[in-house]
Amino acid sequence: MSATDSIQAYEDNAGGVYLQHGTDSTAWFLGPVTPDLNGKFDEDASAWHAGDWEPGEPNGQEPTDSLDGLEHIATWTPGDGVRIVHSPSGDPIAGGGGQAYLGISDDV
């Protein structure tokens, strides 16, 4: 699996989520996680990979060229699906917004 096949999810300290495709330098701010984004990471990532959807300004997403201050919370690949990033203690790195977007709860 090449890095260009992956979709990375990031979260800012306010709970907003971002997506980055492969090794692209641009990440897309999807916004704060609202109910319509709950549990959507797997669906969004697979659709972006397949070319059925992509973030863009006409859809309300904003591009950013810097990942500074963002926490990498998960990676999606066609072969493995969603792989959530965990801290050394085993807890998900994602905060509340990121966990909602990934479709996990605080007890994962």
C-alpha atoms as a PDB file:
ATOM      1  CA  MET A   1       0.000   0.000   0.000  1.00  0.00           C
ATOM      2  CA  SER A   2       1.495   3.309  -0.950  1.00  0.00           C
ATOM      3  CA  ALA A   3       1.212   6.484   1.115  1.00  0.00           C
ATOM      4  CA  THR A   4      -0.848   8.015  -1.691  1.00  0.00           C
ATOM      5  CA  ASP A   5      -3.637   5.502  -0.937  1.00  0.00           C
ATOM      6  CA  SER A   6      -4.070   6.690   2.640  1.00  0.00           C
ATOM      7  CA  ILE A   7      -6.352   9.303   4.150  1.00  0.00           C
ATOM      8  CA  GLN A   8      -5.231  10.868   7.419  1.00  0.00           C
ATOM      9  CA  ALA A   9      -7.551  12.452   9.983  1.00  0.00           C
ATOM     10  CA  TYR A  10      -6.359  15.249  12.269  1.00  0.00           C
ATOM     11  CA  GLU A  11      -7.975  17.210  15.073  1.00  0.00           C
ATOM     12  CA  ASP A  12      -7.297  20.695  16.392  1.00  0.00           C
ATOM     13  CA  ASN A  13      -7.449  21.651  20.063  1.00  0.00           C
ATOM     14  CA  ALA A  14     -11.030  22.918  19.628  1.00  0.00           C
ATOM     15  CA  GLY A  15     -12.297  19.546  18.320  1.00  0.00           C
ATOM     16  CA  GLY A  16     -12.387  20.503  14.629  1.00  0.00           C
ATOM     17  CA  VAL A  17     -11.395  17.759  12.196  1.00  0.00           C
ATOM     18  CA  TYR A  18      -9.218  17.809   9.078  1.00  0.00           C
ATOM     19  CA  LEU A  19      -8.538  15.307   6.297  1.00  0.00           C
ATOM     20  CA  GLN A  20      -5.419  14.879   4.195  1.00  0.00           C
ATOM     21  CA  HIS A  21      -5.136  12.590   1.162  1.00  0.00           C
ATOM     22  CA  GLY A  22      -1.889  10.661   0.869  1.00  0.00           C
ATOM     23  CA  THR A  23       1.126  12.890   0.704  1.00  0.00           C
ATOM     24  CA  ASP A  24      -0.767  16.004  -0.460  1.00  0.00           C
ATOM     25  CA  SER A  25       0.507  19.146   1.229  1.00  0.00           C
ATOM     26  CA  THR A  26      -3.037  20.442   1.734  1.00  0.00           C
ATOM     27  CA  ALA A  27      -5.294  19.280   4.532  1.00  0.00           C
ATOM     28  CA  TRP A  28      -8.987  20.146   4.518  1.00  0.00           C
ATOM     29  CA  PHE A  29     -10.770  21.566   7.556  1.00  0.00           C
ATOM     30  CA  LEU A  30     -14.175  19.885   7.715  1.00  0.00           C
ATOM     31  CA  GLY A  31     -15.234  21.982  10.690  1.00  0.00           C
ATOM     32  CA  PRO A  32     -16.370  21.230  14.178  1.00  0.00           C
ATOM     33  CA  VAL A  33     -18.024  17.835  14.424  1.00  0.00           C
ATOM     34  CA  THR A  34     -21.769  18.228  14.137  1.00  0.00           C
ATOM     35  CA  PRO A  35     -24.248  15.315  14.260  1.00  0.00           C
ATOM     36  CA  ASP A  36     -24.085  14.900  10.461  1.00  0.00           C
ATOM     37  CA  LEU A  37     -20.338  14.131  10.767  1.00  0.00           C
ATOM     38  CA  ASN A  38     -20.646  11.577  13.603  1.00  0.00           C
ATOM     39  CA  GLY A  39     -18.987   8.316  12.580  1.00  0.00           C
ATOM     40  CA  LYS A  40     -18.305   9.544   9.012  1.00  0.00           C
ATOM     41  CA  PHE A  41     -14.507   9.138   8.773  1.00  0.00           C
ATOM     42  CA  ASP A  42     -14.577   5.643   7.236  1.00  0.00           C
ATOM     43  CA  GLU A  43     -17.263   6.655   4.716  1.00  0.00           C
ATOM     44  CA  ASP A  44     -15.569   9.959   3.815  1.00  0.00           C
ATOM     45  CA  ALA A  45     -12.135   8.380   3.438  1.00  0.00           C
ATOM     46  CA  SER A  46     -13.285   5.479   1.277  1.00  0.00           C
ATOM     47  CA  ALA A  47     -15.368   7.814  -0.921  1.00  0.00           C
ATOM     48  CA  TRP A  48     -12.418  10.201  -1.359  1.00  0.00           C
ATOM     49  CA  HIS A  49     -10.117   7.318  -2.239  1.00  0.00           C
ATOM     50  CA  ALA A  50     -12.633   5.978  -4.784  1.00  0.00           C
ATOM     51  CA  GLY A  51     -13.128   9.403  -6.354  1.00  0.00           C
ATOM     52  CA  ASP A  52     -16.802   9.542  -5.338  1.00  0.00           C
ATOM     53  CA  TRP A  53     -16.348  12.551  -3.015  1.00  0.00           C
ATOM     54  CA  GLU A  54     -13.670  15.036  -2.109  1.00  0.00           C
ATOM     55  CA  PRO A  55     -13.557  17.994   0.237  1.00  0.00           C
ATOM     56  CA  GLY A  56     -13.691  21.417  -1.354  1.00  0.00           C
ATOM     57  CA  GLU A  57     -14.596  25.021  -0.738  1.00  0.00           C
ATOM     58  CA  PRO A  58     -17.946  24.745  -2.596  1.00  0.00           C
ATOM     59  CA  ASN A  59     -18.930  22.106   0.006  1.00  0.00           C
ATOM     60  CA  GLY A  60     -17.919  24.303   2.949  1.00  0.00           C
ATOM     61  CA  GLN A  61     -14.498  22.797   3.665  1.00  0.00           C
ATOM     62  CA  GLU A  62     -11.436  25.027   3.932  1.00  0.00           C
ATOM     63  CA  PRO A  63      -7.898  24.149   2.772  1.00  0.00           C
ATOM     64  CA  THR A  64      -4.905  24.562   5.062  1.00  0.00           C
ATOM     65  CA  ASP A  65      -1.256  24.148   4.136  1.00  0.00           C
ATOM     66  CA  SER A  66      -0.045  23.539   7.676  1.00  0.00           C
ATOM     67  CA  LEU A  67      -0.592  20.674  10.061  1.00  0.00           C
ATOM     68  CA  ASP A  68       1.073  22.631  12.888  1.00  0.00           C
ATOM     69  CA  GLY A  69      -0.924  22.291  16.071  1.00  0.00           C
ATOM     70  CA  LEU A  70      -3.010  19.412  14.726  1.00  0.00           C
ATOM     71  CA  GLU A  71      -3.019  15.941  16.259  1.00  0.00           C
ATOM     72  CA  HIS A  72      -2.945  12.932  13.909  1.00  0.00           C
ATOM     73  CA  ILE A  73      -5.865  10.827  15.168  1.00  0.00           C
ATOM     74  CA  ALA A  74      -6.394   8.114  12.531  1.00  0.00           C
ATOM     75  CA  THR A  75      -5.399   6.764   9.128  1.00  0.00           C
ATOM     76  CA  TRP A  76      -7.581   5.002   6.577  1.00  0.00           C
ATOM     77  CA  THR A  77      -6.217   2.693   3.870  1.00  0.00           C
ATOM     78  CA  PRO A  78      -8.111   0.499   1.404  1.00  0.00           C
ATOM     79  CA  GLY A  79      -6.609  -2.681   2.843  1.00  0.00           C
ATOM     80  CA  ASP A  80      -6.843  -1.938   6.560  1.00  0.00           C
ATOM     81  CA  GLY A  81      -9.740   0.490   6.834  1.00  0.00           C
ATOM     82  CA  VAL A  82      -9.586   2.812   9.834  1.00  0.00           C
ATOM     83  CA  ARG A  83      -6.590   2.619  12.167  1.00  0.00           C
ATOM     84  CA  ILE A  84      -7.043   4.824  15.213  1.00  0.00           C
ATOM     85  CA  VAL A  85      -3.942   6.370  16.804  1.00  0.00           C
ATOM     86  CA  HIS A  86      -3.613   5.527  20.509  1.00  0.00           C
ATOM     87  CA  SER A  87      -1.470   7.044  23.253  1.00  0.00           C
ATOM     88  CA  PRO A  88       1.114   4.899  25.068  1.00  0.00           C
ATOM     89  CA  SER A  89      -1.540   4.229  27.746  1.00  0.00           C
ATOM     90  CA  GLY A  90      -3.863   2.787  25.085  1.00  0.00           C
ATOM     91  CA  ASP A  91      -6.385   5.624  24.977  1.00  0.00           C
ATOM     92  CA  PRO A  92      -7.337   7.167  21.635  1.00  0.00           C
ATOM     93  CA  ILE A  93      -5.377  10.369  20.906  1.00  0.00           C
ATOM     94  CA  ALA A  94      -8.572  11.948  19.560  1.00  0.00           C
ATOM     95  CA  GLY A  95     -10.528  14.356  21.715  1.00  0.00           C
ATOM     96  CA  GLY A  96     -14.302  14.648  21.772  1.00  0.00           C
ATOM     97  CA  GLY A  97     -14.776  15.979  18.236  1.00  0.00           C
ATOM     98  CA  GLY A  98     -12.293  13.530  16.735  1.00  0.00           C
ATOM     99  CA  GLN A  99     -13.797  10.585  18.586  1.00  0.00           C
ATOM    100  CA  ALA A 100     -17.253  11.515  17.339  1.00  0.00           C
ATOM    101  CA  TYR A 101     -16.002  11.787  13.735  1.00  0.00           C
ATOM    102  CA  LEU A 102     -14.188   8.453  14.039  1.00  0.00           C
ATOM    103  CA  GLY A 103     -17.288   6.840  15.534  1.00  0.00           C
ATOM    104  CA  ILE A 104     -15.692   5.823  18.825  1.00  0.00           C
ATOM    105  CA  SER A 105     -16.643   6.570  22.395  1.00  0.00           C
ATOM    106  CA  ASP A 106     -14.579   7.591  25.405  1.00  0.00           C
ATOM    107  CA  ASP A 107     -14.405   3.980  26.583  1.00  0.00           C
ATOM    108  CA  VAL A 108     -12.535   2.625  23.528  1.00  0.00           C
END
